[in-house]
């Protein structure tokens, strides 16, 4: 039970911003786990969860070594501004052209940003293939990418 609960905790903090142990306990209860605050506190300690800076001067639980969302977003913006040359798309695929040697770094920054609309990326030398979950997400993603490129 403990292993399942702790796996669920990692899943919860990966999918949404959790700021307090109470929020974490409530999310676990909604997922069918009966927990006390003491149990959640032990799990947080055993998993080595830390509170990392988040947007708007808040904090959130995260695993050690996981970049904070603000750091990921800043890295992505910097990578895009410095490296992206062009964007094109078809169906649920986006092709991003970068300066030579920059594609893998930009793809990594995009992966770390953890945008839920994106299944994954493949980075070559100067080209990134972005696989989008659903075609309907394309207009939003293209707009977001263009905004980042323009600054």
C-alpha atoms as a PDB file:
ATOM      1  CA  UNK A   1       0.000   0.000   0.000  1.00  0.00           C
ATOM      2  CA  UNK A   2       2.831   2.383   0.897  1.00  0.00           C
ATOM      3  CA  UNK A   3       4.581   1.891  -2.453  1.00  0.00           C
ATOM      4  CA  UNK A   4       1.335   2.500  -4.381  1.00  0.00           C
ATOM      5  CA  UNK A   5       0.596   5.593  -2.294  1.00  0.00           C
ATOM      6  CA  UNK A   6       4.077   7.010  -2.810  1.00  0.00           C
ATOM      7  CA  UNK A   7       3.879   6.368  -6.564  1.00  0.00           C
ATOM      8  CA  UNK A   8       0.571   8.233  -6.546  1.00  0.00           C
ATOM      9  CA  UNK A   9       2.197  11.140  -4.664  1.00  0.00           C
ATOM     10  CA  UNK A  10       4.895  11.412  -7.339  1.00  0.00           C
ATOM     11  CA  UNK A  11       2.197  11.312 -10.026  1.00  0.00           C
ATOM     12  CA  UNK A  12       0.135  14.009  -8.264  1.00  0.00           C
ATOM     13  CA  UNK A  13       3.011  16.447  -7.790  1.00  0.00           C
ATOM     14  CA  UNK A  14       4.096  15.882 -11.392  1.00  0.00           C
ATOM     15  CA  UNK A  15       0.662  16.745 -12.750  1.00  0.00           C
ATOM     16  CA  UNK A  16      -0.421  19.666 -10.591  1.00  0.00           C
ATOM     17  CA  UNK A  17       0.932  22.321  -8.276  1.00  0.00           C
ATOM     18  CA  UNK A  18       0.721  21.100  -4.676  1.00  0.00           C
ATOM     19  CA  UNK A  19       1.775  23.655  -2.080  1.00  0.00           C
ATOM     20  CA  UNK A  20       0.874  21.984   1.231  1.00  0.00           C
ATOM     21  CA  UNK A  21       0.668  18.552   2.805  1.00  0.00           C
ATOM     22  CA  UNK A  22      -3.064  19.152   3.302  1.00  0.00           C
ATOM     23  CA  UNK A  23      -3.501  19.639  -0.464  1.00  0.00           C
ATOM     24  CA  UNK A  24      -1.504  16.466  -1.042  1.00  0.00           C
ATOM     25  CA  UNK A  25      -3.606  14.525   1.486  1.00  0.00           C
ATOM     26  CA  UNK A  26      -6.815  15.798  -0.138  1.00  0.00           C
ATOM     27  CA  UNK A  27      -5.594  14.714  -3.580  1.00  0.00           C
ATOM     28  CA  UNK A  28      -4.690  11.276  -2.231  1.00  0.00           C
ATOM     29  CA  UNK A  29      -8.133  10.923  -0.657  1.00  0.00           C
ATOM     30  CA  UNK A  30      -9.752  11.845  -3.983  1.00  0.00           C
ATOM     31  CA  UNK A  31      -7.679   9.047  -5.528  1.00  0.00           C
ATOM     32  CA  UNK A  32      -9.052   6.533  -3.019  1.00  0.00           C
ATOM     33  CA  UNK A  33      -6.293   6.492  -0.404  1.00  0.00           C
ATOM     34  CA  UNK A  34      -7.132   6.828   3.286  1.00  0.00           C
ATOM     35  CA  UNK A  35      -4.338   8.956   4.744  1.00  0.00           C
ATOM     36  CA  UNK A  36      -3.582  11.058   7.778  1.00  0.00           C
ATOM     37  CA  UNK A  37      -1.426  14.151   7.858  1.00  0.00           C
ATOM     38  CA  UNK A  38       1.241  12.132   9.695  1.00  0.00           C
ATOM     39  CA  UNK A  39       1.292   9.528   6.906  1.00  0.00           C
ATOM     40  CA  UNK A  40       1.648  12.216   4.251  1.00  0.00           C
ATOM     41  CA  UNK A  41       4.409  13.876   6.267  1.00  0.00           C
ATOM     42  CA  UNK A  42       6.348  10.579   6.454  1.00  0.00           C
ATOM     43  CA  UNK A  43       5.870   9.978   2.728  1.00  0.00           C
ATOM     44  CA  UNK A  44       7.103  13.487   1.906  1.00  0.00           C
ATOM     45  CA  UNK A  45      10.197  12.896   4.037  1.00  0.00           C
ATOM     46  CA  UNK A  46      10.862   9.377   2.651  1.00  0.00           C
ATOM     47  CA  UNK A  47      10.468  10.535  -0.952  1.00  0.00           C
ATOM     48  CA  UNK A  48      12.777  13.466  -0.242  1.00  0.00           C
ATOM     49  CA  UNK A  49      10.280  15.955  -1.657  1.00  0.00           C
ATOM     50  CA  UNK A  50      11.309  19.583  -1.544  1.00  0.00           C
ATOM     51  CA  UNK A  51       9.459  22.851  -1.954  1.00  0.00           C
ATOM     52  CA  UNK A  52      10.671  24.686  -5.042  1.00  0.00           C
ATOM     53  CA  UNK A  53       9.815  28.175  -6.291  1.00  0.00           C
ATOM     54  CA  UNK A  54       6.838  28.345  -8.606  1.00  0.00           C
ATOM     55  CA  UNK A  55       5.074  31.136 -10.445  1.00  0.00           C
ATOM     56  CA  UNK A  56       3.822  34.291  -8.703  1.00  0.00           C
ATOM     57  CA  UNK A  57       6.042  34.003  -5.608  1.00  0.00           C
ATOM     58  CA  UNK A  58       4.617  30.632  -4.552  1.00  0.00           C
ATOM     59  CA  UNK A  59       6.204  27.262  -3.866  1.00  0.00           C
ATOM     60  CA  UNK A  60       5.275  23.697  -4.796  1.00  0.00           C
ATOM     61  CA  UNK A  61       6.341  20.193  -3.858  1.00  0.00           C
ATOM     62  CA  UNK A  62       8.725  18.567  -6.306  1.00  0.00           C
ATOM     63  CA  UNK A  63      11.283  15.776  -6.423  1.00  0.00           C
ATOM     64  CA  UNK A  64      14.898  16.804  -5.841  1.00  0.00           C
ATOM     65  CA  UNK A  65      16.684  17.505  -9.102  1.00  0.00           C
ATOM     66  CA  UNK A  66      13.459  18.371 -10.907  1.00  0.00           C
ATOM     67  CA  UNK A  67      13.752  21.831 -12.420  1.00  0.00           C
ATOM     68  CA  UNK A  68      11.200  24.270 -11.062  1.00  0.00           C
ATOM     69  CA  UNK A  69       8.598  25.304 -13.646  1.00  0.00           C
ATOM     70  CA  UNK A  70       9.910  28.875 -13.687  1.00  0.00           C
ATOM     71  CA  UNK A  71      13.439  27.612 -14.395  1.00  0.00           C
ATOM     72  CA  UNK A  72      12.136  25.361 -17.182  1.00  0.00           C
ATOM     73  CA  UNK A  73      10.121  28.202 -18.718  1.00  0.00           C
ATOM     74  CA  UNK A  74      13.066  30.605 -18.549  1.00  0.00           C
ATOM     75  CA  UNK A  75      15.378  28.017 -20.125  1.00  0.00           C
ATOM     76  CA  UNK A  76      12.853  27.368 -22.884  1.00  0.00           C
ATOM     77  CA  UNK A  77      12.388  31.079 -23.637  1.00  0.00           C
ATOM     78  CA  UNK A  78      16.132  31.671 -23.690  1.00  0.00           C
ATOM     79  CA  UNK A  79      16.743  28.621 -25.911  1.00  0.00           C
ATOM     80  CA  UNK A  80      14.013  29.631 -28.338  1.00  0.00           C
ATOM     81  CA  UNK A  81      15.128  33.256 -28.613  1.00  0.00           C
ATOM     82  CA  UNK A  82      18.779  32.316 -29.093  1.00  0.00           C
ATOM     83  CA  UNK A  83      18.393  29.312 -31.386  1.00  0.00           C
ATOM     84  CA  UNK A  84      15.093  28.956 -33.268  1.00  0.00           C
ATOM     85  CA  UNK A  85      15.137  29.934 -36.934  1.00  0.00           C
ATOM     86  CA  UNK A  86      11.669  28.824 -38.111  1.00  0.00           C
ATOM     87  CA  UNK A  87       8.553  26.787 -37.321  1.00  0.00           C
ATOM     88  CA  UNK A  88       6.277  24.727 -39.554  1.00  0.00           C
ATOM     89  CA  UNK A  89       3.534  22.206 -38.847  1.00  0.00           C
ATOM     90  CA  UNK A  90       1.335  19.509 -40.349  1.00  0.00           C
ATOM     91  CA  UNK A  91      -1.502  17.592 -38.676  1.00  0.00           C
ATOM     92  CA  UNK A  92      -0.174  16.856 -35.157  1.00  0.00           C
ATOM     93  CA  UNK A  93       3.525  17.440 -35.912  1.00  0.00           C
ATOM     94  CA  UNK A  94       5.585  20.599 -35.518  1.00  0.00           C
ATOM     95  CA  UNK A  95       9.011  21.000 -37.130  1.00  0.00           C
ATOM     96  CA  UNK A  96      11.289  23.557 -35.499  1.00  0.00           C
ATOM     97  CA  UNK A  97      14.463  24.619 -37.325  1.00  0.00           C
ATOM     98  CA  UNK A  98      17.340  25.865 -35.163  1.00  0.00           C
ATOM     99  CA  UNK A  99      20.870  27.077 -35.634  1.00  0.00           C
ATOM    100  CA  UNK A 100      23.274  24.157 -36.295  1.00  0.00           C
ATOM    101  CA  UNK A 101      24.023  22.153 -33.151  1.00  0.00           C
ATOM    102  CA  UNK A 102      21.223  23.713 -31.098  1.00  0.00           C
ATOM    103  CA  UNK A 103      18.239  21.416 -31.706  1.00  0.00           C
ATOM    104  CA  UNK A 104      18.905  18.906 -28.923  1.00  0.00           C
ATOM    105  CA  UNK A 105      19.261  21.636 -26.311  1.00  0.00           C
ATOM    106  CA  UNK A 106      16.024  23.313 -27.380  1.00  0.00           C
ATOM    107  CA  UNK A 107      14.241  19.932 -27.495  1.00  0.00           C
ATOM    108  CA  UNK A 108      15.465  19.164 -23.976  1.00  0.00           C
ATOM    109  CA  UNK A 109      14.219  22.543 -22.718  1.00  0.00           C
ATOM    110  CA  UNK A 110      10.860  21.875 -24.343  1.00  0.00           C
ATOM    111  CA  UNK A 111      10.659  18.420 -22.720  1.00  0.00           C
ATOM    112  CA  UNK A 112      11.507  19.860 -19.301  1.00  0.00           C
ATOM    113  CA  UNK A 113       8.825  22.534 -19.660  1.00  0.00           C
ATOM    114  CA  UNK A 114       6.364  19.642 -19.470  1.00  0.00           C
ATOM    115  CA  UNK A 115       3.627  21.066 -21.664  1.00  0.00           C
ATOM    116  CA  UNK A 116       0.731  18.585 -21.427  1.00  0.00           C
ATOM    117  CA  UNK A 117      -0.212  19.035 -25.103  1.00  0.00           C
ATOM    118  CA  UNK A 118       3.118  17.567 -26.210  1.00  0.00           C
ATOM    119  CA  UNK A 119       3.802  13.823 -26.272  1.00  0.00           C
ATOM    120  CA  UNK A 120       7.520  14.268 -26.886  1.00  0.00           C
ATOM    121  CA  UNK A 121      10.283  15.679 -29.044  1.00  0.00           C
ATOM    122  CA  UNK A 122      13.098  14.369 -31.201  1.00  0.00           C
ATOM    123  CA  UNK A 123      16.095  16.658 -31.619  1.00  0.00           C
ATOM    124  CA  UNK A 124      18.672  16.269 -34.351  1.00  0.00           C
ATOM    125  CA  UNK A 125      21.441  18.736 -35.187  1.00  0.00           C
ATOM    126  CA  UNK A 126      19.322  21.630 -36.423  1.00  0.00           C
ATOM    127  CA  UNK A 127      15.786  20.206 -36.530  1.00  0.00           C
ATOM    128  CA  UNK A 128      13.282  19.265 -33.829  1.00  0.00           C
ATOM    129  CA  UNK A 129      10.200  17.138 -34.385  1.00  0.00           C
ATOM    130  CA  UNK A 130       7.482  17.895 -31.825  1.00  0.00           C
ATOM    131  CA  UNK A 131       4.709  15.303 -31.530  1.00  0.00           C
ATOM    132  CA  UNK A 132       1.449  16.868 -30.342  1.00  0.00           C
ATOM    133  CA  UNK A 133      -1.178  14.736 -28.561  1.00  0.00           C
ATOM    134  CA  UNK A 134      -4.184  16.010 -30.482  1.00  0.00           C
ATOM    135  CA  UNK A 135      -4.485  18.023 -33.680  1.00  0.00           C
ATOM    136  CA  UNK A 136      -6.844  20.459 -31.933  1.00  0.00           C
ATOM    137  CA  UNK A 137      -3.949  21.659 -29.718  1.00  0.00           C
ATOM    138  CA  UNK A 138      -1.982  22.898 -32.730  1.00  0.00           C
ATOM    139  CA  UNK A 139      -3.295  26.498 -32.929  1.00  0.00           C
ATOM    140  CA  UNK A 140      -2.565  27.087 -29.238  1.00  0.00           C
ATOM    141  CA  UNK A 141       0.930  25.602 -29.459  1.00  0.00           C
ATOM    142  CA  UNK A 142       1.871  27.438 -32.656  1.00  0.00           C
ATOM    143  CA  UNK A 143       0.708  30.702 -31.091  1.00  0.00           C
ATOM    144  CA  UNK A 144       2.676  29.960 -27.899  1.00  0.00           C
ATOM    145  CA  UNK A 145       5.835  29.093 -29.875  1.00  0.00           C
ATOM    146  CA  UNK A 146       5.548  32.241 -32.002  1.00  0.00           C
ATOM    147  CA  UNK A 147       5.090  34.399 -28.895  1.00  0.00           C
ATOM    148  CA  UNK A 148       8.238  32.929 -27.359  1.00  0.00           C
ATOM    149  CA  UNK A 149      10.257  33.459 -30.544  1.00  0.00           C
ATOM    150  CA  UNK A 150       9.092  37.078 -30.843  1.00  0.00           C
ATOM    151  CA  UNK A 151       9.758  37.736 -27.163  1.00  0.00           C
END
